[in-house]
Amino acid sequence: MIETGMKAPDFTLPDKNGDMVSLSDFLGKKVVLYFYPKDNTPGCTRQGCAFAQNYNEFKKRNIEIIGISRDSITSHVKFAEKYNLPFILLSDTELQAIKAYDVWQEKKMCGKVGMGVVRTTFIIDENGNIEKVMPKVKPDTNAAEILQSL
């Protein structure tokens, strides 16, 4: 389980352009790392759009936003273009970061039980340490809550 004060697990994943991005690339910057279940679903769209609406405020504070899901690079391209998402989206089809951050968990939906990504946000400080863990966040208020807490 990932907890405040721990070193954030590093990862290297492809972004929507196919370029490889590592968490360690952002040392010296604060990072909002958010895991979400699926592109183009209602909650994930609202969460992504909320981060996009507040993007300039995050940039003013030298904070990088990174969203990660199991979706493909192609799906991320379509999602980002459709909703004008200006931040980094990473494709984790092999569950590398998703499992490292312990957000691959049992979920119940419509009476069925299965494994899936639990919507969770991590704030990572400039030294690569977990500053805050926000489990089971609400998609509509996640971005605003982060800005208020910083």
C-alpha atoms as a PDB file:
ATOM      1  CA  MET A   1       0.000   0.000   0.000  1.00  0.00           C
ATOM      2  CA  ILE A   2       1.267   3.433  -0.964  1.00  0.00           C
ATOM      3  CA  GLU A   3       1.322   5.912   1.904  1.00  0.00           C
ATOM      4  CA  THR A   4       2.288   9.528   2.493  1.00  0.00           C
ATOM      5  CA  GLY A   5       6.050   9.961   2.870  1.00  0.00           C
ATOM      6  CA  MET A   6       6.977   6.917   0.774  1.00  0.00           C
ATOM      7  CA  LYS A   7       9.119   7.153  -2.335  1.00  0.00           C
ATOM      8  CA  ALA A   8       6.751   7.171  -5.321  1.00  0.00           C
ATOM      9  CA  PRO A   9       7.245   4.064  -7.477  1.00  0.00           C
ATOM     10  CA  ASP A  10       8.910   5.057 -10.738  1.00  0.00           C
ATOM     11  CA  PHE A  11       7.508   3.845 -14.043  1.00  0.00           C
ATOM     12  CA  THR A  12       8.028   4.322 -17.762  1.00  0.00           C
ATOM     13  CA  LEU A  13       4.933   4.255 -19.972  1.00  0.00           C
ATOM     14  CA  PRO A  14       3.953   5.531 -23.438  1.00  0.00           C
ATOM     15  CA  ASP A  15       2.041   8.793 -23.730  1.00  0.00           C
ATOM     16  CA  LYS A  16      -0.644   9.538 -26.308  1.00  0.00           C
ATOM     17  CA  ASN A  17       2.090  10.269 -28.886  1.00  0.00           C
ATOM     18  CA  GLY A  18       3.891   6.981 -28.235  1.00  0.00           C
ATOM     19  CA  ASP A  19       6.781   8.746 -26.452  1.00  0.00           C
ATOM     20  CA  MET A  20       8.061   7.009 -23.334  1.00  0.00           C
ATOM     21  CA  VAL A  21       7.540   9.028 -20.150  1.00  0.00           C
ATOM     22  CA  SER A  22       9.004   8.225 -16.725  1.00  0.00           C
ATOM     23  CA  LEU A  23       7.885   9.652 -13.418  1.00  0.00           C
ATOM     24  CA  SER A  24      11.550  10.379 -12.668  1.00  0.00           C
ATOM     25  CA  ASP A  25      11.544  12.816 -15.637  1.00  0.00           C
ATOM     26  CA  PHE A  26       9.638  15.224 -13.383  1.00  0.00           C
ATOM     27  CA  LEU A  27      11.994  15.395 -10.389  1.00  0.00           C
ATOM     28  CA  GLY A  28      12.120  19.022  -9.291  1.00  0.00           C
ATOM     29  CA  LYS A  29       8.411  19.496 -10.074  1.00  0.00           C
ATOM     30  CA  LYS A  30       5.330  18.590  -8.128  1.00  0.00           C
ATOM     31  CA  VAL A  31       3.200  15.971  -9.915  1.00  0.00           C
ATOM     32  CA  VAL A  32      -0.507  15.223  -9.678  1.00  0.00           C
ATOM     33  CA  LEU A  33      -0.718  11.579 -10.718  1.00  0.00           C
ATOM     34  CA  TYR A  34      -4.254  10.370 -11.184  1.00  0.00           C
ATOM     35  CA  PHE A  35      -5.439   6.899 -12.069  1.00  0.00           C
ATOM     36  CA  TYR A  36      -8.807   6.530 -13.746  1.00  0.00           C
ATOM     37  CA  PRO A  37     -10.801   3.544 -15.042  1.00  0.00           C
ATOM     38  CA  LYS A  38     -11.532   4.282 -18.717  1.00  0.00           C
ATOM     39  CA  ASP A  39     -11.398   6.938 -21.428  1.00  0.00           C
ATOM     40  CA  ASN A  40     -14.689   8.407 -22.648  1.00  0.00           C
ATOM     41  CA  THR A  41     -16.803   7.233 -19.723  1.00  0.00           C
ATOM     42  CA  PRO A  42     -18.915   9.822 -17.881  1.00  0.00           C
ATOM     43  CA  GLY A  43     -16.915  10.048 -14.637  1.00  0.00           C
ATOM     44  CA  CYS A  44     -13.513   9.874 -16.299  1.00  0.00           C
ATOM     45  CA  THR A  45     -14.523  12.509 -18.833  1.00  0.00           C
ATOM     46  CA  ARG A  46     -15.713  14.872 -16.091  1.00  0.00           C
ATOM     47  CA  GLN A  47     -12.492  14.329 -14.141  1.00  0.00           C
ATOM     48  CA  GLY A  48     -10.288  14.915 -17.193  1.00  0.00           C
ATOM     49  CA  CYS A  49     -12.237  18.045 -18.170  1.00  0.00           C
ATOM     50  CA  ALA A  50     -11.965  19.407 -14.611  1.00  0.00           C
ATOM     51  CA  PHE A  51      -8.178  19.016 -14.766  1.00  0.00           C
ATOM     52  CA  ALA A  52      -8.178  20.661 -18.214  1.00  0.00           C
ATOM     53  CA  GLN A  53     -10.248  23.617 -16.942  1.00  0.00           C
ATOM     54  CA  ASN A  54      -7.753  24.155 -14.107  1.00  0.00           C
ATOM     55  CA  TYR A  55      -4.653  23.336 -16.161  1.00  0.00           C
ATOM     56  CA  ASN A  56      -3.322  26.914 -16.329  1.00  0.00           C
ATOM     57  CA  GLU A  57      -3.539  27.229 -12.547  1.00  0.00           C
ATOM     58  CA  PHE A  58      -1.563  23.997 -12.116  1.00  0.00           C
ATOM     59  CA  LYS A  59       1.056  25.192 -14.635  1.00  0.00           C
ATOM     60  CA  LYS A  60       1.399  28.547 -12.807  1.00  0.00           C
ATOM     61  CA  ARG A  61       2.291  26.556  -9.700  1.00  0.00           C
ATOM     62  CA  ASN A  62       4.816  24.399 -11.633  1.00  0.00           C
ATOM     63  CA  ILE A  63       2.666  21.286 -11.170  1.00  0.00           C
ATOM     64  CA  GLU A  64       2.549  18.571 -13.824  1.00  0.00           C
ATOM     65  CA  ILE A  65      -0.653  16.560 -14.333  1.00  0.00           C
ATOM     66  CA  ILE A  66      -0.413  12.939 -15.443  1.00  0.00           C
ATOM     67  CA  GLY A  67      -3.417  10.692 -16.004  1.00  0.00           C
ATOM     68  CA  ILE A  68      -3.014   6.912 -16.269  1.00  0.00           C
ATOM     69  CA  SER A  69      -5.471   4.251 -17.387  1.00  0.00           C
ATOM     70  CA  ARG A  70      -5.369   0.832 -19.060  1.00  0.00           C
ATOM     71  CA  ASP A  71      -6.550   2.331 -22.341  1.00  0.00           C
ATOM     72  CA  SER A  72      -4.460   2.139 -25.504  1.00  0.00           C
ATOM     73  CA  ILE A  73      -2.444   4.980 -26.979  1.00  0.00           C
ATOM     74  CA  THR A  74      -5.054   5.288 -29.750  1.00  0.00           C
ATOM     75  CA  SER A  75      -7.850   5.610 -27.191  1.00  0.00           C
ATOM     76  CA  HIS A  76      -5.893   8.317 -25.343  1.00  0.00           C
ATOM     77  CA  VAL A  77      -5.371  10.284 -28.568  1.00  0.00           C
ATOM     78  CA  LYS A  78      -9.105  10.279 -29.315  1.00  0.00           C
ATOM     79  CA  PHE A  79     -10.001  11.110 -25.689  1.00  0.00           C
ATOM     80  CA  ALA A  80      -7.516  13.999 -25.488  1.00  0.00           C
ATOM     81  CA  GLU A  81      -8.566  15.437 -28.852  1.00  0.00           C
ATOM     82  CA  LYS A  82     -12.294  15.134 -28.186  1.00  0.00           C
ATOM     83  CA  TYR A  83     -12.094  16.980 -24.853  1.00  0.00           C
ATOM     84  CA  ASN A  84      -9.005  19.188 -25.456  1.00  0.00           C
ATOM     85  CA  LEU A  85      -7.036  17.601 -22.610  1.00  0.00           C
ATOM     86  CA  PRO A  86      -3.677  19.451 -22.549  1.00  0.00           C
ATOM     87  CA  PHE A  87      -1.901  17.266 -19.990  1.00  0.00           C
ATOM     88  CA  ILE A  88      -0.095  13.930 -20.181  1.00  0.00           C
ATOM     89  CA  LEU A  89      -2.102  10.721 -20.543  1.00  0.00           C
ATOM     90  CA  LEU A  90      -0.187   7.476 -20.170  1.00  0.00           C
ATOM     91  CA  SER A  91      -1.209   4.054 -21.417  1.00  0.00           C
ATOM     92  CA  ASP A  92      -0.667   1.248 -18.896  1.00  0.00           C
ATOM     93  CA  THR A  93      -2.039  -1.789 -20.745  1.00  0.00           C
ATOM     94  CA  GLU A  94       0.269  -4.136 -18.802  1.00  0.00           C
ATOM     95  CA  LEU A  95      -0.792  -2.671 -15.412  1.00  0.00           C
ATOM     96  CA  GLN A  96       2.803  -1.743 -14.510  1.00  0.00           C
ATOM     97  CA  ALA A  97       2.067   1.527 -12.671  1.00  0.00           C
ATOM     98  CA  ILE A  98      -1.521   0.585 -11.832  1.00  0.00           C
ATOM     99  CA  LYS A  99      -0.325  -2.376  -9.747  1.00  0.00           C
ATOM    100  CA  ALA A 100       2.725  -0.531  -8.358  1.00  0.00           C
ATOM    101  CA  TYR A 101       0.369   2.113  -6.935  1.00  0.00           C
ATOM    102  CA  ASP A 102      -2.064  -0.546  -5.691  1.00  0.00           C
ATOM    103  CA  VAL A 103      -5.082   0.855  -7.562  1.00  0.00           C
ATOM    104  CA  TRP A 104      -5.923  -2.467  -9.287  1.00  0.00           C
ATOM    105  CA  GLN A 105      -8.574  -3.729  -6.913  1.00  0.00           C
ATOM    106  CA  GLU A 106     -11.764  -5.706  -6.674  1.00  0.00           C
ATOM    107  CA  LYS A 107     -14.759  -3.613  -7.673  1.00  0.00           C
ATOM    108  CA  LYS A 108     -18.501  -4.223  -7.614  1.00  0.00           C
ATOM    109  CA  MET A 109     -20.589  -2.800 -10.422  1.00  0.00           C
ATOM    110  CA  CYS A 110     -24.156  -3.670 -11.409  1.00  0.00           C
ATOM    111  CA  GLY A 111     -24.070  -6.681  -9.110  1.00  0.00           C
ATOM    112  CA  LYS A 112     -20.914  -8.089 -10.709  1.00  0.00           C
ATOM    113  CA  VAL A 113     -17.548  -8.379  -9.000  1.00  0.00           C
ATOM    114  CA  GLY A 114     -14.343  -7.931 -10.968  1.00  0.00           C
ATOM    115  CA  MET A 115     -10.943  -6.336 -10.940  1.00  0.00           C
ATOM    116  CA  GLY A 116     -10.502  -2.758 -12.092  1.00  0.00           C
ATOM    117  CA  VAL A 117      -8.808   0.573 -11.555  1.00  0.00           C
ATOM    118  CA  VAL A 118     -10.026   2.418  -8.478  1.00  0.00           C
ATOM    119  CA  ARG A 119     -10.064   6.167  -9.149  1.00  0.00           C
ATOM    120  CA  THR A 120      -7.176   7.463  -7.005  1.00  0.00           C
ATOM    121  CA  THR A 121      -4.974  10.554  -7.055  1.00  0.00           C
ATOM    122  CA  PHE A 122      -1.456  10.938  -5.696  1.00  0.00           C
ATOM    123  CA  ILE A 123       0.356  14.210  -5.140  1.00  0.00           C
ATOM    124  CA  ILE A 124       4.089  13.673  -5.532  1.00  0.00           C
ATOM    125  CA  ASP A 125       6.560  16.266  -4.279  1.00  0.00           C
ATOM    126  CA  GLU A 126       9.600  17.661  -6.075  1.00  0.00           C
ATOM    127  CA  ASN A 127      11.819  14.929  -4.584  1.00  0.00           C
ATOM    128  CA  GLY A 128       9.645  12.078  -5.851  1.00  0.00           C
ATOM    129  CA  ASN A 129       7.960  11.314  -2.529  1.00  0.00           C
ATOM    130  CA  ILE A 130       4.250  10.775  -1.952  1.00  0.00           C
ATOM    131  CA  GLU A 131       2.920  13.988  -0.412  1.00  0.00           C
ATOM    132  CA  LYS A 132      -0.744  13.006  -0.367  1.00  0.00           C
ATOM    133  CA  VAL A 133      -2.918  10.005  -1.253  1.00  0.00           C
ATOM    134  CA  MET A 134      -6.504  10.683  -2.297  1.00  0.00           C
ATOM    135  CA  PRO A 135      -8.409   7.376  -2.584  1.00  0.00           C
ATOM    136  CA  LYS A 136     -11.777   7.004  -4.308  1.00  0.00           C
ATOM    137  CA  VAL A 137     -11.908  10.636  -5.373  1.00  0.00           C
ATOM    138  CA  LYS A 138     -14.973  12.288  -6.872  1.00  0.00           C
ATOM    139  CA  PRO A 139     -14.357  13.096 -10.539  1.00  0.00           C
ATOM    140  CA  ASP A 140     -16.112  16.464 -10.470  1.00  0.00           C
ATOM    141  CA  THR A 141     -14.241  17.920  -7.491  1.00  0.00           C
ATOM    142  CA  ASN A 142     -10.820  16.213  -7.580  1.00  0.00           C
ATOM    143  CA  ALA A 143      -8.951  19.001  -9.418  1.00  0.00           C
ATOM    144  CA  ALA A 144     -10.446  21.790  -7.272  1.00  0.00           C
ATOM    145  CA  GLU A 145      -9.715  19.888  -4.041  1.00  0.00           C
ATOM    146  CA  ILE A 146      -6.059  19.533  -5.050  1.00  0.00           C
ATOM    147  CA  LEU A 147      -5.706  23.230  -5.834  1.00  0.00           C
ATOM    148  CA  GLN A 148      -7.314  24.149  -2.514  1.00  0.00           C
ATOM    149  CA  SER A 149      -5.002  21.807  -0.593  1.00  0.00           C
ATOM    150  CA  LEU A 150      -1.893  23.268  -2.231  1.00  0.00           C
END
